[in-house]
Amino acid sequence: MMDLEAHAVMDAKVREHFPHASARKYQASLANSVYEALLAGERNIVVEAPTGLGKAGGGSGCPAYNAGLMSPYPTLSRLP
């Protein structure tokens, strides 16, 4: 579990693969965290955040996918 920074600066490598001109509040921090975790070898990451934060559209998936660090088809599952 981690707390995200509201107005973080996006890492240059993440920005290179980010699909939008700007990031939403907390989105840069989320993208940086996911990117760093994938580089460190993590392969199972769960992101729990409110609707509208930008989890799929660039906060977590797109920069990592565009950089070749994850599959374009993340596994989604429902918890009981």
Protein backbone atom coordinates (compact mmCIF):
# COMPACT_ATOMS: atom_id res chain seq x y z
CA MET A 1 0.00 0.00 0.00
CA MET A 2 1.28 3.43 -0.85
CA ASP A 3 0.09 7.00 -0.75
CA LEU A 4 0.20 8.91 -4.03
CA GLU A 5 1.44 12.48 -4.36
CA ALA A 6 -1.15 14.89 -5.69
CA HIS A 7 1.18 16.92 -7.89
CA ALA A 8 4.15 14.63 -8.57
CA VAL A 9 6.51 15.24 -11.48
CA MET A 10 6.39 12.41 -13.99
CA ASP A 11 9.71 10.63 -14.57
CA ALA A 12 11.21 11.29 -18.01
CA LYS A 13 11.00 7.61 -19.04
CA VAL A 14 7.34 7.45 -18.03
CA ARG A 15 6.57 10.74 -19.80
CA GLU A 16 8.17 9.32 -22.97
CA HIS A 17 5.47 6.63 -23.06
CA PHE A 18 2.57 8.59 -21.55
CA PRO A 19 -0.31 8.87 -24.06
CA HIS A 20 -1.64 12.28 -22.97
CA ALA A 21 -0.35 15.87 -22.98
CA SER A 22 -0.83 16.25 -19.22
CA ALA A 23 -1.51 14.10 -16.20
CA ARG A 24 -4.45 14.27 -13.81
CA LYS A 25 -4.01 14.88 -10.11
CA TYR A 26 -2.25 11.80 -8.62
CA GLN A 27 -1.82 10.22 -12.08
CA ALA A 28 1.90 11.01 -12.45
CA SER A 29 2.63 9.50 -9.05
CA LEU A 30 0.66 6.36 -9.97
CA ALA A 31 2.38 6.02 -13.35
CA ASN A 32 5.83 6.47 -11.78
CA SER A 33 5.07 3.87 -9.09
CA VAL A 34 3.77 1.24 -11.50
CA TYR A 35 6.64 1.79 -13.94
CA GLU A 36 9.25 1.48 -11.16
CA ALA A 37 7.60 -1.68 -9.79
CA LEU A 38 7.63 -3.31 -13.24
CA LEU A 39 11.28 -2.38 -13.75
CA ALA A 40 12.04 -3.95 -10.36
CA GLY A 41 10.55 -7.23 -11.55
CA GLU A 42 7.05 -7.08 -10.10
CA ARG A 43 4.53 -8.77 -12.35
CA ASN A 44 1.38 -8.72 -10.21
CA ILE A 45 0.26 -5.23 -9.34
CA VAL A 46 -3.15 -4.25 -8.01
CA VAL A 47 -4.21 -0.63 -8.30
CA GLU A 48 -7.17 0.44 -6.20
CA ALA A 49 -8.14 4.04 -6.78
CA PRO A 50 -11.31 6.06 -7.24
CA THR A 51 -13.13 6.44 -10.53
CA GLY A 52 -11.67 9.24 -12.62
CA LEU A 53 -8.09 9.06 -11.36
CA GLY A 54 -6.87 7.72 -14.71
CA LYS A 55 -5.80 4.18 -13.84
CA ALA A 56 -6.20 2.67 -17.31
CA GLY A 57 -5.86 5.65 -19.61
CA GLY A 58 -2.35 6.49 -18.60
CA GLY A 59 -1.93 6.18 -14.86
CA SER A 60 -0.75 2.62 -14.88
CA GLY A 61 -1.28 0.61 -18.02
CA CYS A 62 -0.38 2.76 -21.00
CA PRO A 63 3.15 3.91 -20.10
CA ALA A 64 4.13 0.40 -19.01
CA TYR A 65 2.58 -1.21 -22.08
CA ASN A 66 4.09 1.33 -24.46
CA ALA A 67 7.50 0.70 -22.91
CA GLY A 68 7.10 -3.06 -23.50
CA LEU A 69 6.90 -3.88 -19.79
CA MET A 70 3.45 -5.47 -19.77
CA SER A 71 0.92 -7.25 -21.93
CA PRO A 72 -1.81 -5.28 -23.70
CA TYR A 73 -4.31 -7.65 -22.10
CA PRO A 74 -4.09 -7.33 -18.31
CA THR A 75 -5.77 -10.06 -16.35
CA LEU A 76 -8.91 -8.84 -14.65
CA SER A 77 -10.61 -10.91 -12.03
CA ARG A 78 -13.39 -10.50 -9.52
CA LEU A 79 -12.75 -11.12 -5.89
CA PRO A 80 -15.40 -13.18 -4.11
